[in-house]
Amino acid sequence: MKQGAHLPYRVKLLCDGHSCYRSRRTDDPERKYVRGCIVNTIIGIVEQGGADVPGLPDNILPKRL
């Protein structure tokens, strides 16, 4: 799974110098099929506790690519 690929299926990415990449030659950009980091799209809260986790509901992070 590749962090930053926010898809539940495999996509072909340009993985130059990142994980899931092994260069055959120097300066050889290569597109690799990598799996996205979303495991399941059907996620729900079964039971909510007494108090919220500090920093979790009020901290919004942008999508990374």
Protein backbone atom coordinates (compact mmCIF):
# COMPACT_ATOMS: atom_id res chain seq x y z
CA MET A 1 0.00 0.00 0.00
CA LYS A 2 1.25 3.43 -0.91
CA GLN A 3 0.52 6.32 1.44
CA GLY A 4 -0.84 9.28 -0.47
CA ALA A 5 -2.72 7.23 -3.08
CA HIS A 6 -6.22 7.78 -1.67
CA LEU A 7 -7.96 5.13 -3.75
CA PRO A 8 -9.29 1.68 -2.87
CA TYR A 9 -7.81 0.07 -6.00
CA ARG A 10 -4.49 -0.20 -7.84
CA VAL A 11 -3.20 2.73 -9.88
CA LYS A 12 -0.15 3.27 -12.04
CA LEU A 13 2.05 5.97 -10.48
CA LEU A 14 5.38 7.50 -11.37
CA CYS A 15 7.46 6.18 -8.46
CA ASP A 16 10.78 7.89 -9.06
CA GLY A 17 12.92 7.50 -5.95
CA HIS A 18 10.08 6.53 -3.60
CA SER A 19 9.04 3.25 -2.06
CA CYS A 20 7.81 0.50 -4.41
CA TYR A 21 10.49 1.54 -6.89
CA ARG A 22 13.72 -0.13 -7.96
CA SER A 23 15.69 1.60 -10.69
CA ARG A 24 17.22 -0.58 -13.39
CA ARG A 25 19.32 2.34 -14.66
CA THR A 26 20.21 5.76 -13.31
CA ASP A 27 17.65 8.49 -14.08
CA ASP A 28 15.09 5.93 -15.21
CA PRO A 29 11.54 7.09 -14.33
CA GLU A 30 9.20 4.16 -14.08
CA ARG A 31 5.47 3.84 -13.62
CA LYS A 32 4.52 1.11 -11.19
CA TYR A 33 1.17 -0.34 -10.20
CA VAL A 34 0.70 0.36 -6.50
CA ARG A 35 -2.26 -0.26 -4.24
CA GLY A 36 -4.06 2.67 -2.63
CA CYS A 37 -4.13 3.22 1.12
CA ILE A 38 -7.93 2.99 1.52
CA VAL A 39 -8.72 -0.51 2.73
CA ASN A 40 -12.49 -0.29 3.08
CA THR A 41 -14.89 2.53 2.20
CA ILE A 42 -17.67 1.31 4.52
CA ILE A 43 -16.52 2.48 7.95
CA GLY A 44 -18.90 3.40 10.74
CA ILE A 45 -18.80 4.19 14.45
CA VAL A 46 -20.24 1.27 16.38
CA GLU A 47 -20.25 2.82 19.83
CA GLN A 48 -19.12 6.30 20.87
CA GLY A 49 -17.30 6.68 24.17
CA GLY A 50 -17.91 9.22 26.90
CA ALA A 51 -15.39 11.84 25.73
CA ASP A 52 -13.82 12.79 22.42
CA VAL A 53 -10.18 12.01 21.71
CA PRO A 54 -8.26 15.32 21.97
CA GLY A 55 -6.96 16.49 18.59
CA LEU A 56 -8.92 13.96 16.53
CA PRO A 57 -12.29 15.60 15.70
CA ASP A 58 -11.04 19.20 15.53
CA ASN A 59 -7.84 18.62 13.52
CA ILE A 60 -8.47 18.60 9.73
CA LEU A 61 -5.58 17.42 7.54
CA PRO A 62 -5.46 18.04 3.75
CA LYS A 63 -5.18 15.14 1.31
CA ARG A 64 -1.61 14.22 0.41
CA LEU A 65 -0.50 13.15 -3.04
